[in-house]
Structure formats: C-alpha cells, structure tokens
C-alpha atoms as a PDB file:
ATOM      1  CA  UNK A   1     -61.161  84.698   0.231  1.00  0.00           C
ATOM      2  CA  UNK A   2     -57.401  83.973   0.853  1.00  0.00           C
ATOM      3  CA  UNK A   3     -58.006  80.627   2.288  1.00  0.00           C
ATOM      4  CA  UNK A   4     -59.712  79.646  -1.475  1.00  0.00           C
ATOM      5  CA  UNK A   5     -57.119  81.368  -2.853  1.00  0.00           C
ATOM      6  CA  UNK A   6     -54.161  79.599  -1.045  1.00  0.00           C
ATOM      7  CA  UNK A   7     -56.440  76.252  -1.701  1.00  0.00           C
ATOM      8  CA  UNK A   8     -56.429  76.710  -5.403  1.00  0.00           C
ATOM      9  CA  UNK A   9     -52.984  77.253  -5.454  1.00  0.00           C
ATOM     10  CA  UNK A  10     -52.169  74.048  -3.747  1.00  0.00           C
ATOM     11  CA  UNK A  11     -54.865  71.810  -5.087  1.00  0.00           C
ATOM     12  CA  UNK A  12     -53.410  73.007  -8.941  1.00  0.00           C
ATOM     13  CA  UNK A  13     -49.685  72.278  -7.709  1.00  0.00           C
ATOM     14  CA  UNK A  14     -50.660  69.067  -6.422  1.00  0.00           C
ATOM     15  CA  UNK A  15     -52.519  67.757  -9.700  1.00  0.00           C
ATOM     16  CA  UNK A  16     -50.186  69.324 -11.763  1.00  0.00           C
ATOM     17  CA  UNK A  17     -47.747  67.251  -9.787  1.00  0.00           C
ATOM     18  CA  UNK A  18     -49.601  63.835 -10.222  1.00  0.00           C
ATOM     19  CA  UNK A  19     -50.215  64.164 -13.957  1.00  0.00           C
ATOM     20  CA  UNK A  20     -46.508  65.183 -14.506  1.00  0.00           C
ATOM     21  CA  UNK A  21     -45.381  62.275 -12.577  1.00  0.00           C
ATOM     22  CA  UNK A  22     -48.203  59.598 -13.834  1.00  0.00           C
ATOM     23  CA  UNK A  23     -48.051  60.884 -17.049  1.00  0.00           C
ATOM     24  CA  UNK A  24     -44.205  60.315 -17.282  1.00  0.00           C
ATOM     25  CA  UNK A  25     -44.512  56.809 -15.803  1.00  0.00           C
ATOM     26  CA  UNK A  26     -47.221  55.820 -18.815  1.00  0.00           C
ATOM     27  CA  UNK A  27     -44.817  56.847 -21.050  1.00  0.00           C
ATOM     28  CA  UNK A  28     -42.337  54.843 -19.587  1.00  0.00           C
ATOM     29  CA  UNK A  29     -43.998  51.967 -19.969  1.00  0.00           C
ATOM     30  CA  UNK A  30     -44.371  52.071 -22.819  1.00  0.00           C
ATOM     31  CA  UNK A  31     -40.783  52.407 -23.874  1.00  0.00           C
ATOM     32  CA  UNK A  32     -40.025  49.028 -21.281  1.00  0.00           C
ATOM     33  CA  UNK A  33     -43.134  47.600 -22.717  1.00  0.00           C
ATOM     34  CA  UNK A  34     -41.291  47.911 -26.421  1.00  0.00           C
ATOM     35  CA  UNK A  35     -38.145  45.942 -24.541  1.00  0.00           C
ATOM     36  CA  UNK A  36     -35.984  48.792 -23.503  1.00  0.00           C
ATOM     37  CA  UNK A  37     -35.046  49.034 -20.105  1.00  0.00           C
ATOM     38  CA  UNK A  38     -36.130  51.583 -17.802  1.00  0.00           C
ATOM     39  CA  UNK A  39     -34.134  51.776 -14.483  1.00  0.00           C
ATOM     40  CA  UNK A  40     -35.535  53.422 -11.743  1.00  0.00           C
ATOM     41  CA  UNK A  41     -32.640  56.643 -12.082  1.00  0.00           C
ATOM     42  CA  UNK A  42     -34.121  57.121 -15.484  1.00  0.00           C
ATOM     43  CA  UNK A  43     -37.922  57.186 -14.090  1.00  0.00           C
ATOM     44  CA  UNK A  44     -36.517  59.652 -11.800  1.00  0.00           C
ATOM     45  CA  UNK A  45     -34.476  61.513 -14.366  1.00  0.00           C
ATOM     46  CA  UNK A  46     -37.392  61.813 -16.423  1.00  0.00           C
ATOM     47  CA  UNK A  47     -40.101  62.973 -14.153  1.00  0.00           C
ATOM     48  CA  UNK A  48     -38.198  65.783 -12.997  1.00  0.00           C
ATOM     49  CA  UNK A  49     -37.168  66.947 -16.750  1.00  0.00           C
ATOM     50  CA  UNK A  50     -41.375  66.661 -17.118  1.00  0.00           C
ATOM     51  CA  UNK A  51     -42.250  67.926 -13.780  1.00  0.00           C
ATOM     52  CA  UNK A  52     -39.907  71.000 -14.960  1.00  0.00           C
ATOM     53  CA  UNK A  53     -40.306  71.018 -18.290  1.00  0.00           C
ATOM     54  CA  UNK A  54     -44.197  70.823 -18.046  1.00  0.00           C
ATOM     55  CA  UNK A  55     -44.974  73.313 -15.593  1.00  0.00           C
ATOM     56  CA  UNK A  56     -45.325  76.630 -18.260  1.00  0.00           C
ATOM     57  CA  UNK A  57     -47.484  74.947 -20.513  1.00  0.00           C
ATOM     58  CA  UNK A  58     -49.782  71.918 -18.946  1.00  0.00           C
ATOM     59  CA  UNK A  59     -49.501  73.560 -15.419  1.00  0.00           C
ATOM     60  CA  UNK A  60     -50.658  76.650 -16.665  1.00  0.00           C
ATOM     61  CA  UNK A  61     -53.972  74.421 -18.607  1.00  0.00           C
ATOM     62  CA  UNK A  62     -54.820  72.540 -14.993  1.00  0.00           C
ATOM     63  CA  UNK A  63     -54.875  76.205 -13.397  1.00  0.00           C
ATOM     64  CA  UNK A  64     -57.252  77.053 -15.962  1.00  0.00           C
ATOM     65  CA  UNK A  65     -59.314  74.192 -15.980  1.00  0.00           C
ATOM     66  CA  UNK A  66     -59.392  74.610 -12.087  1.00  0.00           C
ATOM     67  CA  UNK A  67     -60.026  78.087 -12.171  1.00  0.00           C
ATOM     68  CA  UNK A  68     -63.765  76.810 -14.380  1.00  0.00           C
ATOM     69  CA  UNK A  69     -63.834  73.797 -12.587  1.00  0.00           C
ATOM     70  CA  UNK A  70     -63.682  74.244  -8.660  1.00  0.00           C
ATOM     71  CA  UNK A  71     -66.587  77.534  -8.672  1.00  0.00           C
ATOM     72  CA  UNK A  72     -68.723  75.215 -10.715  1.00  0.00           C
ATOM     73  CA  UNK A  73     -68.241  73.066  -8.298  1.00  0.00           C
ATOM     74  CA  UNK A  74     -69.129  75.206  -5.120  1.00  0.00           C
ATOM     75  CA  UNK A  75     -72.022  76.107  -6.759  1.00  0.00           C
ATOM     76  CA  UNK A  76     -73.164  72.887  -6.776  1.00  0.00           C
ATOM     77  CA  UNK A  77     -72.284  72.444  -2.724  1.00  0.00           C
ATOM     78  CA  UNK A  78     -74.886  74.826  -2.234  1.00  0.00           C
ATOM     79  CA  UNK A  79     -77.260  72.300  -3.382  1.00  0.00           C
ATOM     80  CA  UNK A  80     -75.620  69.048  -2.249  1.00  0.00           C
ATOM     81  CA  UNK A  81     -73.773  70.033   0.517  1.00  0.00           C
ATOM     82  CA  UNK A  82     -73.650  66.912   1.928  1.00  0.00           C
ATOM     83  CA  UNK A  83     -71.815  65.765  -1.429  1.00  0.00           C
ATOM     84  CA  UNK A  84     -68.801  68.340  -1.532  1.00  0.00           C
ATOM     85  CA  UNK A  85     -66.188  65.691  -1.409  1.00  0.00           C
ATOM     86  CA  UNK A  86     -67.625  63.847  -4.206  1.00  0.00           C
ATOM     87  CA  UNK A  87     -68.442  66.732  -6.020  1.00  0.00           C
ATOM     88  CA  UNK A  88     -64.517  68.770  -5.864  1.00  0.00           C
ATOM     89  CA  UNK A  89     -63.680  65.223  -6.558  1.00  0.00           C
ATOM     90  CA  UNK A  90     -65.296  64.721  -9.373  1.00  0.00           C
ATOM     91  CA  UNK A  91     -64.649  68.432 -10.784  1.00  0.00           C
ATOM     92  CA  UNK A  92     -61.525  67.821 -10.157  1.00  0.00           C
ATOM     93  CA  UNK A  93     -61.627  64.818 -12.576  1.00  0.00           C
ATOM     94  CA  UNK A  94     -63.596  66.444 -15.255  1.00  0.00           C
ATOM     95  CA  UNK A  95     -61.439  69.339 -15.600  1.00  0.00           C
ATOM     96  CA  UNK A  96     -58.204  67.423 -16.325  1.00  0.00           C
ATOM     97  CA  UNK A  97     -60.271  64.663 -19.290  1.00  0.00           C
ATOM     98  CA  UNK A  98     -62.537  67.504 -20.510  1.00  0.00           C
ATOM     99  CA  UNK A  99     -58.764  69.641 -20.458  1.00  0.00           C
ATOM    100  CA  UNK A 100     -57.181  66.564 -22.860  1.00  0.00           C
ATOM    101  CA  UNK A 101     -60.329  65.586 -24.665  1.00  0.00           C
ATOM    102  CA  UNK A 102     -61.527  69.771 -26.077  1.00  0.00           C
ATOM    103  CA  UNK A 103     -57.266  69.780 -27.317  1.00  0.00           C
ATOM    104  CA  UNK A 104     -57.706  67.067 -29.262  1.00  0.00           C
ATOM    105  CA  UNK A 105     -60.697  67.872 -30.813  1.00  0.00           C
ATOM    106  CA  UNK A 106     -60.087  71.374 -31.148  1.00  0.00           C
ATOM    107  CA  UNK A 107     -56.271  70.632 -31.987  1.00  0.00           C
ATOM    108  CA  UNK A 108     -56.075  67.718 -33.629  1.00  0.00           C
ATOM    109  CA  UNK A 109     -53.297  66.154 -31.085  1.00  0.00           C
ATOM    110  CA  UNK A 110     -52.973  64.746 -27.577  1.00  0.00           C
ATOM    111  CA  UNK A 111     -51.333  67.554 -25.891  1.00  0.00           C
ATOM    112  CA  UNK A 112     -49.556  64.836 -23.074  1.00  0.00           C
ATOM    113  CA  UNK A 113     -48.334  61.712 -25.302  1.00  0.00           C
ATOM    114  CA  UNK A 114     -49.844  59.446 -22.049  1.00  0.00           C
ATOM    115  CA  UNK A 115     -53.417  60.684 -22.973  1.00  0.00           C
ATOM    116  CA  UNK A 116     -53.742  58.388 -25.671  1.00  0.00           C
ATOM    117  CA  UNK A 117     -54.468  55.546 -23.887  1.00  0.00           C
ATOM    118  CA  UNK A 118     -57.349  54.847 -21.947  1.00  0.00           C
ATOM    119  CA  UNK A 119     -55.303  54.340 -19.419  1.00  0.00           C
ATOM    120  CA  UNK A 120     -53.076  57.325 -19.539  1.00  0.00           C
ATOM    121  CA  UNK A 121     -56.460  59.972 -19.781  1.00  0.00           C
ATOM    122  CA  UNK A 122     -57.609  58.415 -16.747  1.00  0.00           C
ATOM    123  CA  UNK A 123     -54.076  58.550 -14.520  1.00  0.00           C
ATOM    124  CA  UNK A 124     -54.872  62.280 -15.847  1.00  0.00           C
ATOM    125  CA  UNK A 125     -58.103  62.479 -14.202  1.00  0.00           C
ATOM    126  CA  UNK A 126     -56.769  60.446 -11.216  1.00  0.00           C
ATOM    127  CA  UNK A 127     -54.555  63.487 -11.033  1.00  0.00           C
ATOM    128  CA  UNK A 128     -57.242  65.895 -10.846  1.00  0.00           C
ATOM    129  CA  UNK A 129     -60.068  64.854  -8.388  1.00  0.00           C
ATOM    130  CA  UNK A 130     -57.152  64.274  -6.117  1.00  0.00           C
ATOM    131  CA  UNK A 131     -55.989  67.631  -6.692  1.00  0.00           C
ATOM    132  CA  UNK A 132     -60.124  68.275  -6.729  1.00  0.00           C
ATOM    133  CA  UNK A 133     -60.390  66.631  -3.184  1.00  0.00           C
ATOM    134  CA  UNK A 134     -57.329  68.756  -1.628  1.00  0.00           C
ATOM    135  CA  UNK A 135     -59.165  71.963  -2.658  1.00  0.00           C
ATOM    136  CA  UNK A 136     -62.183  70.521  -0.813  1.00  0.00           C
ATOM    137  CA  UNK A 137     -60.519  69.765   2.731  1.00  0.00           C
ATOM    138  CA  UNK A 138     -58.752  73.141   2.633  1.00  0.00           C
ATOM    139  CA  UNK A 139     -61.652  75.249   1.935  1.00  0.00           C
ATOM    140  CA  UNK A 140     -64.387  75.170   5.069  1.00  0.00           C
ATOM    141  CA  UNK A 141     -68.075  74.426   3.347  1.00  0.00           C
ATOM    142  CA  UNK A 142     -69.755  78.068   3.898  1.00  0.00           C
ATOM    143  CA  UNK A 143     -72.683  76.661   6.089  1.00  0.00           C
ATOM    144  CA  UNK A 144     -70.178  76.068   8.931  1.00  0.00           C
END
C-alpha cells in the first residue's frame, strides 16, 4: 500500500511537471508565432513561474484525475495483466484529457490556455501518459 502511495505521488508530480512545462511552451510558441521574440531565458523563467503558480490548482486537479484513473487501470490489469504498461499509460492520458474536456463542458472555459488547441491538449495528455507509465513502473504487478 505504501509503495502504491509513493508511486501515485511520484506519478502525479511527474505528470504535473511535464504538463506545466508543455503548457507554457505551447503558449509561448503561439506568442512567438505572432512575431514576438521569446528568448530561452524567457522560456525558462515563464516555465518556472507557471510551475510554481499552477501548483495550487492544476497539481490538485491532476492528483484528483489520477486518483480516479489509476484504480480503474489497476482493475483492468487484473483481467489484462499482459497489457499493464499500456493500460496505465492510457489511464494517465485519458485522465488528463478528460479533465480538460470536463472543465470545458462544465465551466465553459479552458483552465489551461494551451488546451484550446488540439496539439496543446495532446501535449497535456502525453504528460498524463508519462505519469501513468511512471506509476506502472513503480508498482509491481499483483501476481508476482
């Protein structure tokens, strides 16, 4: 149980780090496309600012999404044990994409600006997928 909790915390943190960084870079790429110069220093500064600034909201939302998705993946793994890595990866991806789609449907807003575009939404899903894969790697299969 403690191992699963540690894996959960690590996977949420990794997904959040990647999602925050990706969201910042997607927004800055749109700014750059408008002809505004964005230096590497600007990118790093904005990434750090967003990483700290989004922690009280986005980190919590990712934690909730993963708290729902990982047990579902665990249940599916009992029946499809050979697909464990795929199931946890899909669970992480789906959790984050669903989070943004639900926020848009219920609140009428995109909580993370990057998710207004398909590439931005997919970048967030990819961060979730890596987080899910991290969870899978840190938790041993039940049948071992």
